[in-house]
Amino acid sequence: MEIARLVELPADDTAARRHPHTAAALVGLATGKGLVAVTALLAGPAALAAAPGLTARLAHHCHALLAL
């Protein structure tokens, strides 16, 4: 396990030098700075996908209340 970690460290350093913007983005995600943006980006499509089901459920619920 330790040998694998020691091999990975120089590989990470090389990748960070070759792709500094990607490395900075990964560090931002790892430290939590970009987690809000990622959550918002993932929540948008999920909300759009869930909207028809939620509106149908609400319409059914409201119709049931009016029938009382």
PDB file of N, CA and C in Angstrom:
ATOM      1  N   MET A   1       0.834  -1.185   0.000  1.00  0.00           N
ATOM      2  CA  MET A   1       0.000   0.000   0.000  1.00  0.00           C
ATOM      3  C   MET A   1       0.882   1.252   0.000  1.00  0.00           C
ATOM      4  N   GLU A   2       1.890   1.259   0.810  1.00  0.00           N
ATOM      5  CA  GLU A   2       2.781   2.424   0.889  1.00  0.00           C
ATOM      6  C   GLU A   2       3.574   2.603  -0.402  1.00  0.00           C
ATOM      7  N   ILE A   3       3.985   1.502  -1.025  1.00  0.00           N
ATOM      8  CA  ILE A   3       4.736   1.592  -2.284  1.00  0.00           C
ATOM      9  C   ILE A   3       3.840   2.190  -3.369  1.00  0.00           C
ATOM     10  N   ALA A   4       2.602   1.766  -3.415  1.00  0.00           N
ATOM     11  CA  ALA A   4       1.670   2.326  -4.394  1.00  0.00           C
ATOM     12  C   ALA A   4       1.490   3.818  -4.179  1.00  0.00           C
ATOM     13  N   ARG A   5       1.425   4.228  -2.930  1.00  0.00           N
ATOM     14  CA  ARG A   5       1.283   5.653  -2.604  1.00  0.00           C
ATOM     15  C   ARG A   5       2.524   6.430  -3.022  1.00  0.00           C
ATOM     16  N   LEU A   6       3.700   5.853  -2.789  1.00  0.00           N
ATOM     17  CA  LEU A   6       4.947   6.517  -3.179  1.00  0.00           C
ATOM     18  C   LEU A   6       5.084   6.624  -4.699  1.00  0.00           C
ATOM     19  N   VAL A   7       4.565   5.660  -5.421  1.00  0.00           N
ATOM     20  CA  VAL A   7       4.594   5.722  -6.880  1.00  0.00           C
ATOM     21  C   VAL A   7       3.584   6.759  -7.387  1.00  0.00           C
ATOM     22  N   GLU A   8       2.473   6.873  -6.711  1.00  0.00           N
ATOM     23  CA  GLU A   8       1.414   7.788  -7.133  1.00  0.00           C
ATOM     24  C   GLU A   8       1.802   9.253  -6.953  1.00  0.00           C
ATOM     25  N   LEU A   9       2.559   9.570  -5.927  1.00  0.00           N
ATOM     26  CA  LEU A   9       2.924  10.966  -5.655  1.00  0.00           C
ATOM     27  C   LEU A   9       3.673  11.627  -6.813  1.00  0.00           C
ATOM     28  N   PRO A  10       4.731  11.025  -7.355  1.00  0.00           N
ATOM     29  CA  PRO A  10       5.389  11.661  -8.507  1.00  0.00           C
ATOM     30  C   PRO A  10       4.480  11.749  -9.735  1.00  0.00           C
ATOM     31  N   ALA A  11       3.615  10.769  -9.909  1.00  0.00           N
ATOM     32  CA  ALA A  11       2.681  10.814 -11.034  1.00  0.00           C
ATOM     33  C   ALA A  11       1.719  11.989 -10.875  1.00  0.00           C
ATOM     34  N   ASP A  12       1.255  12.222  -9.659  1.00  0.00           N
ATOM     35  CA  ASP A  12       0.386  13.372  -9.395  1.00  0.00           C
ATOM     36  C   ASP A  12       1.116  14.685  -9.659  1.00  0.00           C
ATOM     37  N   ASP A  13       2.351  14.771  -9.229  1.00  0.00           N
ATOM     38  CA  ASP A  13       3.134  15.986  -9.461  1.00  0.00           C
ATOM     39  C   ASP A  13       3.325  16.255 -10.949  1.00  0.00           C
ATOM     40  N   THR A  14       3.609  15.225 -11.714  1.00  0.00           N
ATOM     41  CA  THR A  14       3.785  15.371 -13.157  1.00  0.00           C
ATOM     42  C   THR A  14       2.481  15.814 -13.813  1.00  0.00           C
ATOM     43  N   ALA A  15       1.385  15.205 -13.429  1.00  0.00           N
ATOM     44  CA  ALA A  15       0.086  15.583 -13.987  1.00  0.00           C
ATOM     45  C   ALA A  15      -0.272  17.021 -13.632  1.00  0.00           C
ATOM     46  N   ALA A  16       0.031  17.437 -12.413  1.00  0.00           N
ATOM     47  CA  ALA A  16      -0.270  18.809 -11.990  1.00  0.00           C
ATOM     48  C   ALA A  16       0.550  19.818 -12.786  1.00  0.00           C
ATOM     49  N   ARG A  17       1.789  19.479 -13.103  1.00  0.00           N
ATOM     50  CA  ARG A  17       2.617  20.390 -13.910  1.00  0.00           C
ATOM     51  C   ARG A  17       2.113  20.464 -15.346  1.00  0.00           C
ATOM     52  N   ARG A  18       1.671  19.349 -15.888  1.00  0.00           N
ATOM     53  CA  ARG A  18       1.206  19.318 -17.279  1.00  0.00           C
ATOM     54  C   ARG A  18      -0.189  19.926 -17.449  1.00  0.00           C
ATOM     55  N   HIS A  19      -1.025  19.800 -16.429  1.00  0.00           N
ATOM     56  CA  HIS A  19      -2.417  20.269 -16.500  1.00  0.00           C
ATOM     57  C   HIS A  19      -2.764  21.065 -15.235  1.00  0.00           C
ATOM     58  N   PRO A  20      -2.213  22.285 -15.108  1.00  0.00           N
ATOM     59  CA  PRO A  20      -2.414  23.038 -13.863  1.00  0.00           C
ATOM     60  C   PRO A  20      -3.875  23.410 -13.594  1.00  0.00           C
ATOM     61  N   HIS A  21      -4.663  23.676 -14.632  1.00  0.00           N
ATOM     62  CA  HIS A  21      -6.056  24.052 -14.401  1.00  0.00           C
ATOM     63  C   HIS A  21      -6.871  22.871 -13.882  1.00  0.00           C
ATOM     64  N   THR A  22      -6.618  21.699 -14.418  1.00  0.00           N
ATOM     65  CA  THR A  22      -7.308  20.506 -13.951  1.00  0.00           C
ATOM     66  C   THR A  22      -6.924  20.200 -12.511  1.00  0.00           C
ATOM     67  N   ALA A  23      -5.643  20.332 -12.211  1.00  0.00           N
ATOM     68  CA  ALA A  23      -5.182  20.076 -10.851  1.00  0.00           C
ATOM     69  C   ALA A  23      -5.823  21.055  -9.866  1.00  0.00           C
ATOM     70  N   ALA A  24      -5.911  22.322 -10.259  1.00  0.00           N
ATOM     71  CA  ALA A  24      -6.529  23.325  -9.384  1.00  0.00           C
ATOM     72  C   ALA A  24      -8.008  23.019  -9.165  1.00  0.00           C
ATOM     73  N   ALA A  25      -8.684  22.578 -10.215  1.00  0.00           N
ATOM     74  CA  ALA A  25     -10.101  22.234 -10.075  1.00  0.00           C
ATOM     75  C   ALA A  25     -10.289  21.041  -9.144  1.00  0.00           C
ATOM     76  N   LEU A  26      -9.422  20.048  -9.258  1.00  0.00           N
ATOM     77  CA  LEU A  26      -9.528  18.877  -8.381  1.00  0.00           C
ATOM     78  C   LEU A  26      -9.256  19.241  -6.929  1.00  0.00           C
ATOM     79  N   VAL A  27      -8.295  20.119  -6.708  1.00  0.00           N
ATOM     80  CA  VAL A  27      -8.012  20.567  -5.334  1.00  0.00           C
ATOM     81  C   VAL A  27      -9.211  21.332  -4.792  1.00  0.00           C
ATOM     82  N   GLY A  28      -9.820  22.167  -5.620  1.00  0.00           N
ATOM     83  CA  GLY A  28     -11.007  22.903  -5.191  1.00  0.00           C
ATOM     84  C   GLY A  28     -12.146  21.977  -4.813  1.00  0.00           C
ATOM     85  N   LEU A  29     -12.353  20.924  -5.597  1.00  0.00           N
ATOM     86  CA  LEU A  29     -13.396  19.958  -5.258  1.00  0.00           C
ATOM     87  C   LEU A  29     -13.072  19.202  -3.982  1.00  0.00           C
ATOM     88  N   ALA A  30     -11.813  18.838  -3.826  1.00  0.00           N
ATOM     89  CA  ALA A  30     -11.410  18.065  -2.647  1.00  0.00           C
ATOM     90  C   ALA A  30     -11.539  18.880  -1.362  1.00  0.00           C
ATOM     91  N   THR A  31     -11.331  20.194  -1.465  1.00  0.00           N
ATOM     92  CA  THR A  31     -11.420  21.040  -0.271  1.00  0.00           C
ATOM     93  C   THR A  31     -12.817  21.581  -0.039  1.00  0.00           C
ATOM     94  N   GLY A  32     -13.751  21.252  -0.927  1.00  0.00           N
ATOM     95  CA  GLY A  32     -15.130  21.672  -0.731  1.00  0.00           C
ATOM     96  C   GLY A  32     -15.479  22.995  -1.368  1.00  0.00           C
ATOM     97  N   LYS A  33     -14.532  23.672  -2.005  1.00  0.00           N
ATOM     98  CA  LYS A  33     -14.819  24.983  -2.581  1.00  0.00           C
ATOM     99  C   LYS A  33     -15.767  24.883  -3.770  1.00  0.00           C
ATOM    100  N   GLY A  34     -15.696  23.808  -4.512  1.00  0.00           N
ATOM    101  CA  GLY A  34     -16.534  23.684  -5.691  1.00  0.00           C
ATOM    102  C   GLY A  34     -17.742  22.799  -5.491  1.00  0.00           C
ATOM    103  N   LEU A  35     -17.978  22.325  -4.247  1.00  0.00           N
ATOM    104  CA  LEU A  35     -19.066  21.359  -4.050  1.00  0.00           C
ATOM    105  C   LEU A  35     -20.430  21.988  -4.224  1.00  0.00           C
ATOM    106  N   VAL A  36     -20.563  23.276  -3.921  1.00  0.00           N
ATOM    107  CA  VAL A  36     -21.858  23.940  -4.093  1.00  0.00           C
ATOM    108  C   VAL A  36     -22.199  24.010  -5.572  1.00  0.00           C
ATOM    109  N   ALA A  37     -21.219  24.365  -6.390  1.00  0.00           N
ATOM    110  CA  ALA A  37     -21.452  24.458  -7.835  1.00  0.00           C
ATOM    111  C   ALA A  37     -21.788  23.088  -8.411  1.00  0.00           C
ATOM    112  N   VAL A  38     -21.091  22.062  -7.982  1.00  0.00           N
ATOM    113  CA  VAL A  38     -21.358  20.714  -8.473  1.00  0.00           C
ATOM    114  C   VAL A  38     -22.756  20.276  -8.058  1.00  0.00           C
ATOM    115  N   THR A  39     -23.136  20.562  -6.849  1.00  0.00           N
ATOM    116  CA  THR A  39     -24.468  20.207  -6.367  1.00  0.00           C
ATOM    117  C   THR A  39     -25.546  20.914  -7.177  1.00  0.00           C
ATOM    118  N   ALA A  40     -25.333  22.192  -7.453  1.00  0.00           N
ATOM    119  CA  ALA A  40     -26.307  22.942  -8.250  1.00  0.00           C
ATOM    120  C   ALA A  40     -26.401  22.384  -9.661  1.00  0.00           C
ATOM    121  N   LEU A  41     -25.266  22.040 -10.246  1.00  0.00           N
ATOM    122  CA  LEU A  41     -25.279  21.495 -11.600  1.00  0.00           C
ATOM    123  C   LEU A  41     -25.980  20.143 -11.663  1.00  0.00           C
ATOM    124  N   LEU A  42     -25.858  19.348 -10.633  1.00  0.00           N
ATOM    125  CA  LEU A  42     -26.504  18.048 -10.611  1.00  0.00           C
ATOM    126  C   LEU A  42     -27.973  18.141 -10.191  1.00  0.00           C
ATOM    127  N   ALA A  43     -28.295  19.100  -9.355  1.00  0.00           N
ATOM    128  CA  ALA A  43     -29.664  19.230  -8.860  1.00  0.00           C
ATOM    129  C   ALA A  43     -30.602  19.758  -9.942  1.00  0.00           C
ATOM    130  N   GLY A  44     -30.105  20.593 -10.840  1.00  0.00           N
ATOM    131  CA  GLY A  44     -30.947  21.163 -11.894  1.00  0.00           C
ATOM    132  C   GLY A  44     -31.584  20.091 -12.760  1.00  0.00           C
ATOM    133  N   PRO A  45     -30.794  19.236 -13.401  1.00  0.00           N
ATOM    134  CA  PRO A  45     -31.403  18.174 -14.221  1.00  0.00           C
ATOM    135  C   PRO A  45     -32.271  17.212 -13.407  1.00  0.00           C
ATOM    136  N   ALA A  46     -31.885  16.944 -12.176  1.00  0.00           N
ATOM    137  CA  ALA A  46     -32.692  16.055 -11.337  1.00  0.00           C
ATOM    138  C   ALA A  46     -34.053  16.679 -11.048  1.00  0.00           C
ATOM    139  N   ALA A  47     -34.084  17.975 -10.802  1.00  0.00           N
ATOM    140  CA  ALA A  47     -35.356  18.658 -10.550  1.00  0.00           C
ATOM    141  C   ALA A  47     -36.231  18.653 -11.798  1.00  0.00           C
ATOM    142  N   LEU A  48     -35.615  18.872 -12.960  1.00  0.00           N
ATOM    143  CA  LEU A  48     -36.388  18.840 -14.204  1.00  0.00           C
ATOM    144  C   LEU A  48     -36.958  17.447 -14.469  1.00  0.00           C
ATOM    145  N   ALA A  49     -36.200  16.431 -14.156  1.00  0.00           N
ATOM    146  CA  ALA A  49     -36.671  15.067 -14.363  1.00  0.00           C
ATOM    147  C   ALA A  49     -37.787  14.714 -13.392  1.00  0.00           C
ATOM    148  N   ALA A  50     -37.740  15.252 -12.192  1.00  0.00           N
ATOM    149  CA  ALA A  50     -38.735  14.927 -11.172  1.00  0.00           C
ATOM    150  C   ALA A  50     -39.995  15.786 -11.271  1.00  0.00           C
ATOM    151  N   ALA A  51     -39.929  16.913 -11.972  1.00  0.00           N
ATOM    152  CA  ALA A  51     -41.050  17.853 -12.015  1.00  0.00           C
ATOM    153  C   ALA A  51     -42.358  17.230 -12.500  1.00  0.00           C
ATOM    154  N   PRO A  52     -42.386  16.486 -13.607  1.00  0.00           N
ATOM    155  CA  PRO A  52     -43.681  15.924 -14.041  1.00  0.00           C
ATOM    156  C   PRO A  52     -44.316  14.995 -12.998  1.00  0.00           C
ATOM    157  N   GLY A  53     -43.514  14.188 -12.362  1.00  0.00           N
ATOM    158  CA  GLY A  53     -44.043  13.298 -11.335  1.00  0.00           C
ATOM    159  C   GLY A  53     -44.564  14.055 -10.129  1.00  0.00           C
ATOM    160  N   LEU A  54     -43.843  15.083  -9.739  1.00  0.00           N
ATOM    161  CA  LEU A  54     -44.286  15.885  -8.589  1.00  0.00           C
ATOM    162  C   LEU A  54     -45.574  16.635  -8.892  1.00  0.00           C
ATOM    163  N   THR A  55     -45.667  17.217 -10.087  1.00  0.00           N
ATOM    164  CA  THR A  55     -46.893  17.943 -10.425  1.00  0.00           C
ATOM    165  C   THR A  55     -48.083  16.994 -10.524  1.00  0.00           C
ATOM    166  N   ALA A  56     -47.871  15.795 -11.056  1.00  0.00           N
ATOM    167  CA  ALA A  56     -48.958  14.818 -11.121  1.00  0.00           C
ATOM    168  C   ALA A  56     -49.394  14.415  -9.718  1.00  0.00           C
ATOM    169  N   ARG A  57     -48.429  14.228  -8.851  1.00  0.00           N
ATOM    170  CA  ARG A  57     -48.745  13.856  -7.461  1.00  0.00           C
ATOM    171  C   ARG A  57     -49.523  14.970  -6.764  1.00  0.00           C
ATOM    172  N   LEU A  58     -49.089  16.204  -6.951  1.00  0.00           N
ATOM    173  CA  LEU A  58     -49.789  17.333  -6.342  1.00  0.00           C
ATOM    174  C   LEU A  58     -51.192  17.476  -6.912  1.00  0.00           C
ATOM    175  N   ALA A  59     -51.337  17.306  -8.224  1.00  0.00           N
ATOM    176  CA  ALA A  59     -52.660  17.413  -8.841  1.00  0.00           C
ATOM    177  C   ALA A  59     -53.587  16.332  -8.290  1.00  0.00           C
ATOM    178  N   HIS A  60     -53.083  15.126  -8.130  1.00  0.00           N
ATOM    179  CA  HIS A  60     -53.896  14.042  -7.576  1.00  0.00           C
ATOM    180  C   HIS A  60     -54.280  14.359  -6.133  1.00  0.00           C
ATOM    181  N   HIS A  61     -53.321  14.852  -5.370  1.00  0.00           N
ATOM    182  CA  HIS A  61     -53.561  15.175  -3.964  1.00  0.00           C
ATOM    183  C   HIS A  61     -54.591  16.302  -3.848  1.00  0.00           C
ATOM    184  N   CYS A  62     -54.450  17.339  -4.640  1.00  0.00           N
ATOM    185  CA  CYS A  62     -55.393  18.460  -4.587  1.00  0.00           C
ATOM    186  C   CYS A  62     -56.782  18.017  -5.028  1.00  0.00           C
ATOM    187  N   HIS A  63     -56.856  17.166  -6.050  1.00  0.00           N
ATOM    188  CA  HIS A  63     -58.142  16.655  -6.512  1.00  0.00           C
ATOM    189  C   HIS A  63     -58.822  15.832  -5.415  1.00  0.00           C
ATOM    190  N   ALA A  64     -58.024  15.046  -4.701  1.00  0.00           N
ATOM    191  CA  ALA A  64     -58.578  14.228  -3.615  1.00  0.00           C
ATOM    192  C   ALA A  64     -59.097  15.129  -2.487  1.00  0.00           C
ATOM    193  N   LEU A  65     -58.427  16.229  -2.212  1.00  0.00           N
ATOM    194  CA  LEU A  65     -58.891  17.138  -1.153  1.00  0.00           C
ATOM    195  C   LEU A  65     -60.196  17.830  -1.557  1.00  0.00           C
ATOM    196  N   LEU A  66     -60.319  18.192  -2.842  1.00  0.00           N
ATOM    197  CA  LEU A  66     -61.531  18.860  -3.313  1.00  0.00           C
ATOM    198  C   LEU A  66     -62.719  17.920  -3.298  1.00  0.00           C
ATOM    199  N   ALA A  67     -62.480  16.630  -3.440  1.00  0.00           N
ATOM    200  CA  ALA A  67     -63.560  15.652  -3.458  1.00  0.00           C
ATOM    201  C   ALA A  67     -64.160  15.433  -2.070  1.00  0.00           C
ATOM    202  N   LEU A  68     -63.443  15.849  -1.030  1.00  0.00           N
ATOM    203  CA  LEU A  68     -63.971  15.665   0.333  1.00  0.00           C
ATOM    204  C   LEU A  68     -65.049  16.650   0.544  1.00  0.00           C
TER     205      LEU A  68
END
